[in-house]
Amino acid sequence: MSITDILSSVNFSFEKKFGQNFITDKNLLAAMVEEAGITGGVVLEIGAGAGTLTCALAAKADKVISYEIDKNLAPVLARTLSGLDDKVEVVFRDIMKESDEELDRALGRDYKLAANLPYYITTPVIMRFIERQNRPKSISVMVQKEVGERLVASPGSAEYGAITAAVALEGDAYITRTVSRNLFTPRPNVDSCVVRIDMHDKYAGADKPLVKKFIKAAFAMRRKTLANNLCAAFNLTRPAAEELIASCGYDVRVRGERLGAEDFIRLSEQFKKTLV
């Protein structure tokens, strides 16, 4: 029985507020799992949906723990995940309301995250899992194409923003494939892409809370110079802000979107040496 037939048989109604767009193409699902590097181990899935990606993950993982907010999907998942009780655990709760302690008990210290993320929680989910202490080894997520391009953008590009720099501070992000809107049920209004983020410890020695404050400040008012934004965020005089920027080797007229993660680290370190 097809996913469409299963959904129809239980009278399932799509909830727009949950951003439900399911994938049914088996080749795409298998490719997503392969590109996520799933070969055993524990996988956290966010948004089980109709269970199609869950099944594909279970074929390669040792254990899949899948969070789903819509309890109306229970009868659908009972059918699509039939026979997988030993490999799949579905948790009908909001992942963003789950405590870190509860997640750690379920996931252990070694896990990966893979999901067809509902568009409305893409940024909160990514930021939570790249910043939490017990981070996944990697994050592989289907996201809106525009969002994916933002996650992997280069400094100075139109797509580059605060989230790009924040992600680069914690991991290496790249797009593994683009996905047509025609491969989803129901069909969304935009195309998607799959982004993989491999966690790294390149900047483990940085004062990350301070670096993140610099990143946030740099993009607070995008049309303003970095100096103007730093004045507002750190209560600096303009000469002090410009001296900080120049001491790091940057033009005092530079805008925040020209700087990458390492640049923000350099600024934060210089700030601590001279102004704190």
Foldseek 3Di string as FASTA:
>chain_A
DALVVLCVVLVHDDDVVQLAWAFRDLVVLLVLLVVQVQAEAEEEEEACRLVSNVVSSLVHYQAYEYEHQDPSSVSSCCVVCPPVVRHYHYHHHHPVPDDPVVVCVVRPLEYEYEYAHRAVCVLVVVLVQLPDPSHYQKHKYKYFALVLCLLQDDQPDPSDALNNQVLVLFWHKDWPFKAAQVRIVVRDPGTITIMMTGTDCPPVVFPVVLLSLLRCLLHVPQVQASLVSCCVSVVDDSVVSLVLQVVLPDHSRHGSSNDHNVSSRSSSVSCVVPPD
